[in-house]
C-alpha atoms as a PDB file:
ATOM      1  CA  MET A   1     -18.716 -19.179  -5.298  1.00  0.00           C
ATOM      2  CA  LYS A   2     -15.920 -19.474  -3.823  1.00  0.00           C
ATOM      3  CA  ASN A   3     -14.359 -18.587  -6.827  1.00  0.00           C
ATOM      4  CA  LYS A   4     -16.452 -15.687  -7.459  1.00  0.00           C
ATOM      5  CA  LEU A   5     -15.740 -14.472  -3.837  1.00  0.00           C
ATOM      6  CA  VAL A   6     -12.271 -14.484  -4.654  1.00  0.00           C
ATOM      7  CA  LEU A   7     -12.678 -12.424  -7.641  1.00  0.00           C
ATOM      8  CA  ALA A   8     -14.817 -10.186  -6.136  1.00  0.00           C
ATOM      9  CA  HIS A   9     -12.245  -9.095  -3.457  1.00  0.00           C
ATOM     10  CA  LEU A  10      -9.547  -8.981  -6.253  1.00  0.00           C
ATOM     11  CA  ALA A  11     -11.964  -6.538  -7.885  1.00  0.00           C
ATOM     12  CA  MET A  12     -12.312  -4.391  -4.662  1.00  0.00           C
ATOM     13  CA  LEU A  13      -8.314  -4.779  -4.041  1.00  0.00           C
ATOM     14  CA  THR A  14      -8.032  -3.303  -7.716  1.00  0.00           C
ATOM     15  CA  VAL A  15     -10.641  -0.451  -7.427  1.00  0.00           C
ATOM     16  CA  ALA A  16      -8.882   0.354  -3.935  1.00  0.00           C
ATOM     17  CA  LEU A  17      -5.491   0.698  -5.544  1.00  0.00           C
ATOM     18  CA  ILE A  18      -6.476   3.032  -8.190  1.00  0.00           C
ATOM     19  CA  TYR A  19      -8.608   5.294  -5.653  1.00  0.00           C
ATOM     20  CA  ALA A  20      -5.170   5.669  -3.785  1.00  0.00           C
ATOM     21  CA  ALA A  21      -2.975   6.830  -6.739  1.00  0.00           C
ATOM     22  CA  ASN A  22      -5.805   9.116  -7.422  1.00  0.00           C
ATOM     23  CA  PHE A  23      -5.512  11.223  -4.682  1.00  0.00           C
ATOM     24  CA  THR A  24      -1.745  11.808  -5.572  1.00  0.00           C
ATOM     25  CA  ILE A  25      -2.295  11.816  -9.460  1.00  0.00           C
ATOM     26  CA  ALA A  26      -5.372  13.716  -9.629  1.00  0.00           C
ATOM     27  CA  LYS A  27      -4.322  16.895  -7.853  1.00  0.00           C
ATOM     28  CA  PRO A  28      -1.807  18.525 -10.224  1.00  0.00           C
ATOM     29  CA  VAL A  29      -4.050  18.522 -12.180  1.00  0.00           C
ATOM     30  CA  MET A  30      -6.058  20.870 -10.493  1.00  0.00           C
ATOM     31  CA  SER A  31      -3.707  22.703  -8.344  1.00  0.00           C
ATOM     32  CA  GLY A  32      -1.975  26.015  -8.331  1.00  0.00           C
ATOM     33  CA  ASP A  33      -3.262  29.860  -9.093  1.00  0.00           C
ATOM     34  CA  THR A  34      -4.094  28.945 -13.294  1.00  0.00           C
ATOM     35  CA  PRO A  35      -4.987  24.989 -13.056  1.00  0.00           C
ATOM     36  CA  TYR A  36      -4.974  22.924 -15.996  1.00  0.00           C
ATOM     37  CA  VAL A  37      -8.797  21.904 -15.314  1.00  0.00           C
ATOM     38  CA  LYS A  38     -10.671  23.545 -12.760  1.00  0.00           C
ATOM     39  CA  PRO A  39     -11.992  20.812 -10.548  1.00  0.00           C
ATOM     40  CA  PHE A  40     -16.339  20.561 -12.054  1.00  0.00           C
ATOM     41  CA  GLY A  41     -14.504  20.968 -15.303  1.00  0.00           C
ATOM     42  CA  PHE A  42     -12.469  17.955 -14.255  1.00  0.00           C
ATOM     43  CA  ILE A  43     -15.868  16.478 -13.606  1.00  0.00           C
ATOM     44  CA  MET A  44     -17.428  17.254 -16.407  1.00  0.00           C
ATOM     45  CA  MET A  45     -14.838  15.739 -18.523  1.00  0.00           C
ATOM     46  CA  ARG A  46     -15.353  12.456 -16.194  1.00  0.00           C
ATOM     47  CA  VAL A  47     -19.067  11.799 -16.476  1.00  0.00           C
ATOM     48  CA  ILE A  48     -19.430  12.061 -20.209  1.00  0.00           C
ATOM     49  CA  ALA A  49     -16.076  10.020 -20.338  1.00  0.00           C
ATOM     50  CA  ALA A  50     -17.571   7.025 -18.411  1.00  0.00           C
ATOM     51  CA  THR A  51     -21.157   7.647 -20.178  1.00  0.00           C
ATOM     52  CA  VAL A  52     -19.702   6.939 -23.636  1.00  0.00           C
ATOM     53  CA  LEU A  53     -17.433   3.988 -22.325  1.00  0.00           C
ATOM     54  CA  ILE A  54     -20.226   2.347 -20.298  1.00  0.00           C
ATOM     55  CA  TRP A  55     -22.682   2.783 -23.622  1.00  0.00           C
ATOM     56  CA  ILE A  56     -20.656   1.417 -25.893  1.00  0.00           C
ATOM     57  CA  SER A  57     -19.556  -1.838 -23.483  1.00  0.00           C
ATOM     58  CA  HIS A  58     -23.343  -2.489 -23.263  1.00  0.00           C
ATOM     59  CA  PHE A  59     -24.205  -2.472 -26.614  1.00  0.00           C
ATOM     60  CA  LEU A  60     -21.252  -4.492 -27.408  1.00  0.00           C
ATOM     61  CA  PHE A  61     -21.694  -6.912 -24.408  1.00  0.00           C
ATOM     62  CA  VAL A  62     -24.843  -6.630 -22.750  1.00  0.00           C
ATOM     63  CA  ARG A  63     -28.451  -7.098 -24.343  1.00  0.00           C
ATOM     64  CA  GLU A  64     -30.709  -6.543 -21.198  1.00  0.00           C
ATOM     65  CA  LYS A  65     -32.905  -3.357 -20.371  1.00  0.00           C
ATOM     66  CA  VAL A  66     -34.026  -2.298 -17.071  1.00  0.00           C
ATOM     67  CA  GLU A  67     -37.707  -2.106 -16.476  1.00  0.00           C
ATOM     68  CA  SER A  68     -39.490   1.387 -15.606  1.00  0.00           C
ATOM     69  CA  LYS A  69     -40.303   1.004 -11.898  1.00  0.00           C
ATOM     70  CA  ASP A  70     -36.036   1.008 -11.194  1.00  0.00           C
ATOM     71  CA  LEU A  71     -35.598   4.127 -13.681  1.00  0.00           C
ATOM     72  CA  PHE A  72     -36.565   6.513 -10.216  1.00  0.00           C
ATOM     73  CA  ARG A  73     -33.625   4.014  -7.889  1.00  0.00           C
ATOM     74  CA  LEU A  74     -31.112   4.809 -10.767  1.00  0.00           C
ATOM     75  CA  ALA A  75     -31.436   8.214 -10.786  1.00  0.00           C
ATOM     76  CA  LEU A  76     -31.399   8.642  -6.903  1.00  0.00           C
ATOM     77  CA  CYS A  77     -27.918   6.336  -7.416  1.00  0.00           C
ATOM     78  CA  ALA A  78     -26.983   8.958  -9.946  1.00  0.00           C
ATOM     79  CA  VAL A  79     -27.432  11.710  -7.345  1.00  0.00           C
ATOM     80  CA  PHE A  80     -25.017  10.573  -4.940  1.00  0.00           C
ATOM     81  CA  GLY A  81     -22.837   7.879  -6.828  1.00  0.00           C
ATOM     82  CA  VAL A  82     -21.924  10.751  -9.753  1.00  0.00           C
ATOM     83  CA  ALA A  83     -22.229  14.333  -8.976  1.00  0.00           C
ATOM     84  CA  GLY A  84     -22.729  14.322  -4.927  1.00  0.00           C
ATOM     85  CA  ASN A  85     -19.421  11.905  -4.816  1.00  0.00           C
ATOM     86  CA  GLN A  86     -17.861  13.378  -7.308  1.00  0.00           C
ATOM     87  CA  LEU A  87     -18.064  17.104  -7.408  1.00  0.00           C
ATOM     88  CA  THR A  88     -17.494  16.922  -3.915  1.00  0.00           C
ATOM     89  CA  PHE A  89     -14.471  15.372  -4.072  1.00  0.00           C
ATOM     90  CA  PHE A  90     -12.845  17.192  -6.604  1.00  0.00           C
ATOM     91  CA  TYR A  91     -13.895  20.305  -4.981  1.00  0.00           C
ATOM     92  CA  GLY A  92     -12.556  18.959  -1.870  1.00  0.00           C
ATOM     93  CA  LEU A  93      -9.245  17.562  -2.635  1.00  0.00           C
ATOM     94  CA  ASN A  94      -8.307  20.721  -4.790  1.00  0.00           C
ATOM     95  CA  LEU A  95      -8.488  22.287  -0.983  1.00  0.00           C
ATOM     96  CA  THR A  96      -6.484  19.715   1.304  1.00  0.00           C
ATOM     97  CA  THR A  97      -3.803  17.445   0.896  1.00  0.00           C
ATOM     98  CA  PRO A  98      -4.130  13.766  -0.431  1.00  0.00           C
ATOM     99  CA  ILE A  99      -3.585  11.985   2.781  1.00  0.00           C
ATOM    100  CA  ASN A 100      -6.236  14.503   4.663  1.00  0.00           C
ATOM    101  CA  GLY A 101      -8.798  13.052   1.648  1.00  0.00           C
ATOM    102  CA  ALA A 102      -7.610   9.127   2.251  1.00  0.00           C
ATOM    103  CA  LEU A 103      -8.238   9.689   6.240  1.00  0.00           C
ATOM    104  CA  ILE A 104     -11.412  11.065   5.783  1.00  0.00           C
ATOM    105  CA  MET A 105     -12.809   8.717   3.051  1.00  0.00           C
ATOM    106  CA  LEU A 106     -12.456   6.140   6.202  1.00  0.00           C
ATOM    107  CA  THR A 107     -15.907   7.202   7.498  1.00  0.00           C
ATOM    108  CA  THR A 108     -17.489   5.627   4.480  1.00  0.00           C
ATOM    109  CA  PRO A 109     -17.751   1.957   5.685  1.00  0.00           C
ATOM    110  CA  ILE A 110     -18.851   2.841   9.037  1.00  0.00           C
ATOM    111  CA  LEU A 111     -22.047   5.329   7.132  1.00  0.00           C
ATOM    112  CA  VAL A 112     -22.381   2.315   4.882  1.00  0.00           C
ATOM    113  CA  LEU A 113     -22.833  -0.333   7.955  1.00  0.00           C
ATOM    114  CA  ILE A 114     -24.883   1.778   9.576  1.00  0.00           C
ATOM    115  CA  LEU A 115     -27.172   2.483   6.244  1.00  0.00           C
ATOM    116  CA  SER A 116     -27.297  -1.326   5.493  1.00  0.00           C
ATOM    117  CA  LEU A 117     -28.509  -2.225   9.387  1.00  0.00           C
ATOM    118  CA  ILE A 118     -31.103   0.105   8.905  1.00  0.00           C
ATOM    119  CA  ILE A 119     -32.312  -0.756   4.989  1.00  0.00           C
ATOM    120  CA  PHE A 120     -31.297  -4.007   4.655  1.00  0.00           C
ATOM    121  CA  GLY A 121     -31.375  -5.477   8.296  1.00  0.00           C
ATOM    122  CA  GLU A 122     -28.046  -6.551   7.869  1.00  0.00           C
ATOM    123  CA  ARG A 123     -26.767  -7.872  11.207  1.00  0.00           C
ATOM    124  CA  LEU A 124     -24.224  -6.395  13.295  1.00  0.00           C
ATOM    125  CA  THR A 125     -21.761  -9.287  14.244  1.00  0.00           C
ATOM    126  CA  TRP A 126     -18.615  -9.196  16.814  1.00  0.00           C
ATOM    127  CA  PHE A 127     -16.887  -9.879  13.458  1.00  0.00           C
ATOM    128  CA  LYS A 128     -17.718  -6.765  11.427  1.00  0.00           C
ATOM    129  CA  SER A 129     -17.629  -4.924  14.571  1.00  0.00           C
ATOM    130  CA  SER A 130     -13.976  -6.028  15.615  1.00  0.00           C
ATOM    131  CA  GLY A 131     -13.126  -5.852  11.567  1.00  0.00           C
ATOM    132  CA  ILE A 132     -14.514  -2.192  11.297  1.00  0.00           C
ATOM    133  CA  LEU A 133     -12.223  -1.295  14.399  1.00  0.00           C
ATOM    134  CA  LEU A 134      -9.505  -2.572  13.517  1.00  0.00           C
ATOM    135  CA  GLY A 135      -9.587  -1.312  10.113  1.00  0.00           C
ATOM    136  CA  LEU A 136      -9.855   2.288  11.392  1.00  0.00           C
ATOM    137  CA  CYS A 137      -7.356   1.960  14.377  1.00  0.00           C
ATOM    138  CA  GLY A 138      -4.916   0.810  11.403  1.00  0.00           C
ATOM    139  CA  ALA A 139      -5.786   3.084   8.826  1.00  0.00           C
ATOM    140  CA  SER A 140      -5.977   6.383  11.897  1.00  0.00           C
ATOM    141  CA  PHE A 141      -2.552   5.367  13.241  1.00  0.00           C
ATOM    142  CA  LEU A 142      -1.216   5.033   9.598  1.00  0.00           C
ATOM    143  CA  ILE A 143      -1.998   8.729   9.310  1.00  0.00           C
ATOM    144  CA  LEU A 144      -1.091   9.936  13.017  1.00  0.00           C
ATOM    145  CA  SER A 145       2.478   8.502  12.241  1.00  0.00           C
ATOM    146  CA  ASN A 146       2.712   9.859   8.946  1.00  0.00           C
ATOM    147  CA  ASN A 147       5.186  13.034   9.452  1.00  0.00           C
ATOM    148  CA  SER A 148       5.425  14.313   6.032  1.00  0.00           C
ATOM    149  CA  THR A 149       4.346  17.965   5.978  1.00  0.00           C
ATOM    150  CA  ALA A 150       1.364  19.513   4.289  1.00  0.00           C
ATOM    151  CA  ALA A 151       2.203  21.065   0.906  1.00  0.00           C
ATOM    152  CA  ASP A 152      -0.402  22.861  -1.770  1.00  0.00           C
ATOM    153  CA  ALA A 153      -3.469  23.088   0.513  1.00  0.00           C
ATOM    154  CA  PRO A 154      -5.176  26.431   0.036  1.00  0.00           C
ATOM    155  CA  ASN A 155      -7.852  25.851   2.689  1.00  0.00           C
ATOM    156  CA  PRO A 156      -7.472  22.370   4.383  1.00  0.00           C
ATOM    157  CA  ALA A 157     -10.559  22.543   7.091  1.00  0.00           C
ATOM    158  CA  LEU A 158     -13.108  23.365   4.374  1.00  0.00           C
ATOM    159  CA  GLY A 159     -11.634  20.418   2.263  1.00  0.00           C
ATOM    160  CA  ASN A 160     -11.972  18.237   4.457  1.00  0.00           C
ATOM    161  CA  ILE A 161     -15.529  18.863   4.823  1.00  0.00           C
ATOM    162  CA  PHE A 162     -16.409  18.213   1.286  1.00  0.00           C
ATOM    163  CA  ILE A 163     -14.452  14.941   1.109  1.00  0.00           C
ATOM    164  CA  GLY A 164     -16.660  13.900   4.493  1.00  0.00           C
ATOM    165  CA  ILE A 165     -19.812  15.038   2.354  1.00  0.00           C
ATOM    166  CA  ASN A 166     -18.417  13.092  -0.446  1.00  0.00           C
ATOM    167  CA  ALA A 167     -17.826   9.940   1.699  1.00  0.00           C
ATOM    168  CA  ALA A 168     -21.804  10.280   3.137  1.00  0.00           C
ATOM    169  CA  CYS A 169     -22.856  10.328  -0.423  1.00  0.00           C
ATOM    170  CA  TYR A 170     -20.498   7.607  -1.676  1.00  0.00           C
ATOM    171  CA  ALA A 171     -21.834   5.302   1.467  1.00  0.00           C
ATOM    172  CA  CYS A 172     -25.387   6.386   0.036  1.00  0.00           C
ATOM    173  CA  TYR A 173     -24.809   4.952  -3.197  1.00  0.00           C
ATOM    174  CA  LEU A 174     -23.530   1.701  -2.458  1.00  0.00           C
ATOM    175  CA  VAL A 175     -26.431   0.900  -0.437  1.00  0.00           C
ATOM    176  CA  LEU A 176     -28.603   2.130  -3.073  1.00  0.00           C
ATOM    177  CA  VAL A 177     -27.089   0.675  -6.022  1.00  0.00           C
ATOM    178  CA  LYS A 178     -26.821  -2.765  -4.317  1.00  0.00           C
ATOM    179  CA  PRO A 179     -30.450  -3.974  -5.030  1.00  0.00           C
ATOM    180  CA  MET A 180     -29.804  -2.825  -8.814  1.00  0.00           C
ATOM    181  CA  MET A 181     -26.634  -4.375  -8.966  1.00  0.00           C
ATOM    182  CA  ASP A 182     -28.442  -8.113  -8.038  1.00  0.00           C
ATOM    183  CA  LYS A 183     -30.774  -7.275 -10.301  1.00  0.00           C
ATOM    184  CA  TYR A 184     -28.535  -6.138 -13.424  1.00  0.00           C
ATOM    185  CA  SER A 185     -25.603  -6.614 -14.820  1.00  0.00           C
ATOM    186  CA  PRO A 186     -22.929  -3.992 -13.970  1.00  0.00           C
ATOM    187  CA  PHE A 187     -23.049  -2.133 -17.412  1.00  0.00           C
ATOM    188  CA  THR A 188     -26.956  -2.115 -17.642  1.00  0.00           C
ATOM    189  CA  THR A 189     -27.109  -0.147 -13.783  1.00  0.00           C
ATOM    190  CA  LEU A 190     -24.442   1.873 -14.943  1.00  0.00           C
ATOM    191  CA  LYS A 191     -25.387   3.647 -18.316  1.00  0.00           C
ATOM    192  CA  TRP A 192     -28.352   4.384 -16.554  1.00  0.00           C
ATOM    193  CA  VAL A 193     -26.526   6.325 -13.280  1.00  0.00           C
ATOM    194  CA  PHE A 194     -23.824   8.163 -15.696  1.00  0.00           C
ATOM    195  CA  LEU A 195     -26.457   9.130 -18.006  1.00  0.00           C
ATOM    196  CA  PHE A 196     -28.420  10.856 -15.521  1.00  0.00           C
ATOM    197  CA  GLY A 197     -25.093  11.887 -13.419  1.00  0.00           C
ATOM    198  CA  THR A 198     -24.185  13.430 -16.850  1.00  0.00           C
ATOM    199  CA  ILE A 199     -27.235  15.385 -17.049  1.00  0.00           C
ATOM    200  CA  TYR A 200     -27.330  16.422 -13.045  1.00  0.00           C
ATOM    201  CA  VAL A 201     -23.353  17.570 -13.830  1.00  0.00           C
ATOM    202  CA  ILE A 202     -23.869  19.929 -16.307  1.00  0.00           C
ATOM    203  CA  PRO A 203     -25.008  23.094 -14.461  1.00  0.00           C
ATOM    204  CA  PHE A 204     -21.801  23.123 -12.632  1.00  0.00           C
ATOM    205  CA  GLY A 205     -19.140  21.808 -15.075  1.00  0.00           C
ATOM    206  CA  PHE A 206     -19.668  22.505 -18.914  1.00  0.00           C
ATOM    207  CA  ASN A 207     -18.608  26.083 -18.622  1.00  0.00           C
ATOM    208  CA  GLN A 208     -14.921  25.117 -16.636  1.00  0.00           C
ATOM    209  CA  MET A 209     -14.745  22.040 -19.313  1.00  0.00           C
ATOM    210  CA  MET A 210     -14.615  24.571 -22.533  1.00  0.00           C
ATOM    211  CA  GLU A 211     -12.601  26.514 -20.302  1.00  0.00           C
ATOM    212  CA  ILE A 212      -9.556  23.983 -20.677  1.00  0.00           C
ATOM    213  CA  GLU A 213      -6.410  25.195 -22.559  1.00  0.00           C
ATOM    214  CA  TRP A 214      -5.167  22.194 -24.237  1.00  0.00           C
ATOM    215  CA  GLN A 215      -2.396  23.207 -26.290  1.00  0.00           C
ATOM    216  CA  GLY A 216       0.889  23.498 -24.324  1.00  0.00           C
ATOM    217  CA  MET A 217      -0.545  21.183 -21.700  1.00  0.00           C
ATOM    218  CA  PRO A 218       2.240  18.797 -20.221  1.00  0.00           C
ATOM    219  CA  ASN A 219       2.221  15.013 -20.917  1.00  0.00           C
ATOM    220  CA  THR A 220       2.423  14.283 -17.862  1.00  0.00           C
ATOM    221  CA  ILE A 221      -0.588  16.233 -17.122  1.00  0.00           C
ATOM    222  CA  LEU A 222      -2.690  14.963 -20.664  1.00  0.00           C
ATOM    223  CA  ALA A 223      -1.754  11.420 -18.733  1.00  0.00           C
ATOM    224  CA  ALA A 224      -3.120  12.035 -15.712  1.00  0.00           C
ATOM    225  CA  ILE A 225      -6.382  13.277 -16.926  1.00  0.00           C
ATOM    226  CA  VAL A 226      -6.480   9.748 -19.370  1.00  0.00           C
ATOM    227  CA  TYR A 227      -6.031   8.018 -15.865  1.00  0.00           C
ATOM    228  CA  VAL A 228      -8.421   9.657 -14.103  1.00  0.00           C
ATOM    229  CA  LEU A 229     -11.066   9.312 -16.939  1.00  0.00           C
ATOM    230  CA  VAL A 230     -10.626   5.662 -18.084  1.00  0.00           C
ATOM    231  CA  PHE A 231      -9.078   3.522 -14.745  1.00  0.00           C
ATOM    232  CA  VAL A 232     -11.045   6.016 -11.991  1.00  0.00           C
ATOM    233  CA  THR A 233     -13.869   6.981 -13.486  1.00  0.00           C
ATOM    234  CA  PHE A 234     -14.874   3.759 -15.618  1.00  0.00           C
ATOM    235  CA  LEU A 235     -13.051   0.971 -14.410  1.00  0.00           C
ATOM    236  CA  THR A 236     -13.673   1.956 -10.625  1.00  0.00           C
ATOM    237  CA  TYR A 237     -17.387   1.612 -11.282  1.00  0.00           C
ATOM    238  CA  VAL A 238     -17.269  -1.225 -12.997  1.00  0.00           C
ATOM    239  CA  LEU A 239     -15.474  -3.566 -10.927  1.00  0.00           C
ATOM    240  CA  ASN A 240     -16.966  -2.407  -7.857  1.00  0.00           C
ATOM    241  CA  GLY A 241     -20.614  -3.145  -9.693  1.00  0.00           C
ATOM    242  CA  ALA A 242     -19.330  -6.315 -10.379  1.00  0.00           C
ATOM    243  CA  ALA A 243     -18.176  -7.123  -7.019  1.00  0.00           C
ATOM    244  CA  LEU A 244     -21.508  -5.772  -5.529  1.00  0.00           C
ATOM    245  CA  GLY A 245     -23.268  -8.232  -7.335  1.00  0.00           C
ATOM    246  CA  ILE A 246     -21.400 -10.971  -4.825  1.00  0.00           C
ATOM    247  CA  VAL A 247     -20.773  -9.085  -1.535  1.00  0.00           C
ATOM    248  CA  LYS A 248     -22.335  -7.068   0.683  1.00  0.00           C
ATOM    249  CA  PRO A 249     -21.878  -2.824   0.494  1.00  0.00           C
ATOM    250  CA  SER A 250     -20.082  -3.388   4.403  1.00  0.00           C
ATOM    251  CA  VAL A 251     -17.822  -5.839   2.610  1.00  0.00           C
ATOM    252  CA  SER A 252     -17.022  -3.451  -0.593  1.00  0.00           C
ATOM    253  CA  SER A 253     -16.650  -0.548   1.718  1.00  0.00           C
ATOM    254  CA  ALA A 254     -14.036  -1.760   3.940  1.00  0.00           C
ATOM    255  CA  TYR A 255     -11.723  -1.583   1.496  1.00  0.00           C
ATOM    256  CA  ILE A 256     -11.468   1.555   1.704  1.00  0.00           C
ATOM    257  CA  TYR A 257      -8.901   1.203   4.294  1.00  0.00           C
ATOM    258  CA  LEU A 258      -6.756   0.329   2.443  1.00  0.00           C
ATOM    259  CA  GLN A 259      -6.574   3.319   0.417  1.00  0.00           C
ATOM    260  CA  PRO A 260      -4.128   5.081   3.373  1.00  0.00           C
ATOM    261  CA  LEU A 261      -1.870   2.173   3.077  1.00  0.00           C
ATOM    262  CA  LEU A 262      -1.849   1.619  -0.692  1.00  0.00           C
ATOM    263  CA  ALA A 263      -1.674   5.548  -1.206  1.00  0.00           C
ATOM    264  CA  SER A 264       2.084   5.400   1.164  1.00  0.00           C
ATOM    265  CA  SER A 265       3.407   2.668  -0.784  1.00  0.00           C
ATOM    266  CA  ILE A 266       2.988   4.741  -3.857  1.00  0.00           C
ATOM    267  CA  ALA A 267       4.745   7.662  -2.326  1.00  0.00           C
ATOM    268  CA  VAL A 268       7.028   5.126  -0.947  1.00  0.00           C
ATOM    269  CA  TRP A 269       7.802   3.854  -5.090  1.00  0.00           C
ATOM    270  CA  ALA A 270       7.894   7.150  -6.217  1.00  0.00           C
ATOM    271  CA  GLY A 271      10.974   8.118  -3.399  1.00  0.00           C
ATOM    272  CA  LYS A 272       8.471  11.031  -1.677  1.00  0.00           C
ATOM    273  CA  ASP A 273       8.861   8.647   1.603  1.00  0.00           C
ATOM    274  CA  SER A 274      10.267   5.604   2.989  1.00  0.00           C
ATOM    275  CA  ILE A 275       8.762   2.212   4.897  1.00  0.00           C
ATOM    276  CA  THR A 276       8.401   2.064   8.310  1.00  0.00           C
ATOM    277  CA  TRP A 277       7.584  -0.509  11.128  1.00  0.00           C
ATOM    278  CA  SER A 278       4.623   1.944  11.938  1.00  0.00           C
ATOM    279  CA  MET A 279       3.201   1.898   8.015  1.00  0.00           C
ATOM    280  CA  LEU A 280       3.885  -2.186   8.575  1.00  0.00           C
ATOM    281  CA  PHE A 281       1.587  -2.395  12.030  1.00  0.00           C
ATOM    282  CA  ALA A 282      -0.836  -0.032  10.174  1.00  0.00           C
ATOM    283  CA  ALA A 283      -1.141  -2.931   7.216  1.00  0.00           C
ATOM    284  CA  LEU A 284      -1.351  -6.001   9.719  1.00  0.00           C
ATOM    285  CA  LEU A 285      -4.387  -4.207  11.233  1.00  0.00           C
ATOM    286  CA  ILE A 286      -5.604  -3.375   7.866  1.00  0.00           C
ATOM    287  CA  PHE A 287      -5.781  -6.371   6.573  1.00  0.00           C
ATOM    288  CA  ALA A 288      -7.095  -8.213   9.674  1.00  0.00           C
ATOM    289  CA  GLY A 289     -10.081  -5.568   9.528  1.00  0.00           C
ATOM    290  CA  VAL A 290     -11.083  -6.566   6.442  1.00  0.00           C
ATOM    291  CA  TYR A 291     -10.980 -10.246   6.765  1.00  0.00           C
ATOM    292  CA  LEU A 292     -13.354  -9.630   9.558  1.00  0.00           C
ATOM    293  CA  VAL A 293     -15.633  -7.663   7.863  1.00  0.00           C
ATOM    294  CA  SER A 294     -15.926  -9.801   4.577  1.00  0.00           C
ATOM    295  CA  ILE A 295     -16.566 -13.360   6.874  1.00  0.00           C
ATOM    296  CA  PRO A 296     -20.445 -13.971   6.012  1.00  0.00           C
ATOM    297  CA  THR A 297     -22.650 -13.902   8.201  1.00  0.00           C
ATOM    298  CA  LYS A 298     -24.369 -17.362   9.345  1.00  0.00           C
ATOM    299  CA  VAL A 299     -27.994 -17.768   9.368  1.00  0.00           C
ATOM    300  CA  ALA A 300     -29.858 -20.095  11.591  1.00  0.00           C
ATOM    301  CA  VAL A 301     -32.263 -22.891  10.085  1.00  0.00           C
ATOM    302  CA  HIS A 302     -35.210 -23.790  12.123  1.00  0.00           C
ATOM    303  CA  ASP A 303     -37.211 -27.023  11.301  1.00  0.00           C
END
């Protein structure tokens, strides 16, 4: 069990890193008056690519069927985890800055914990409360101490609202999908979630996807599209699904606190920022918060 827990945390750390890079990598694809790919068209490509990859993976590696009674829950997971989550995120990111988007996403762990308390009766311990507070303080301190100027954000206020809706959708998805990940393999659960999600997204993204002009598209933009389709859409859902089979949704969502730290680190690596003492202090708070939230709740046993 200990080895599985370590692997689950490594999977969630990888997901956090992929998502953090996504804030910067995906934005140039949709930026400007004449974007290479419009937001909803990008989402249409994402769900189609993920659906194909997951169904192929399921056919090759998993032979498992879902009970008919679970299809409704899987369809509901697709509403929040695919359609609502992805449509609002990319539309909001197109209007605001990557760093603003990362900050707004910090509301997700709080929403997940609240939903877990209501639905699953998860106990709110001092460790979890302190962990959420430390993580939020660390990430907020990192953002507030960042002196970089906003750029390429036509409507940050509206964009932040849509990123906030995205955070709420993702929180609902994590809580709703947890029982399915416990019952089935990640590939079995996700193949149905993405199939339903593709159906939901078609009215929004099909026309924009068909408008894409692939000829003359720079290699950097093509590489960014491949990154989003394979890593951000396919790999993150699989890794997160595997982790949810081991840890609670509140633990998984706590890794969102790492995104601002990782996003800043990526900027440093790209030569667009520099390491500061405030960043290191924020990193300490964030990692401490994730550790406290991940401490298992001990249940007293009575004879």
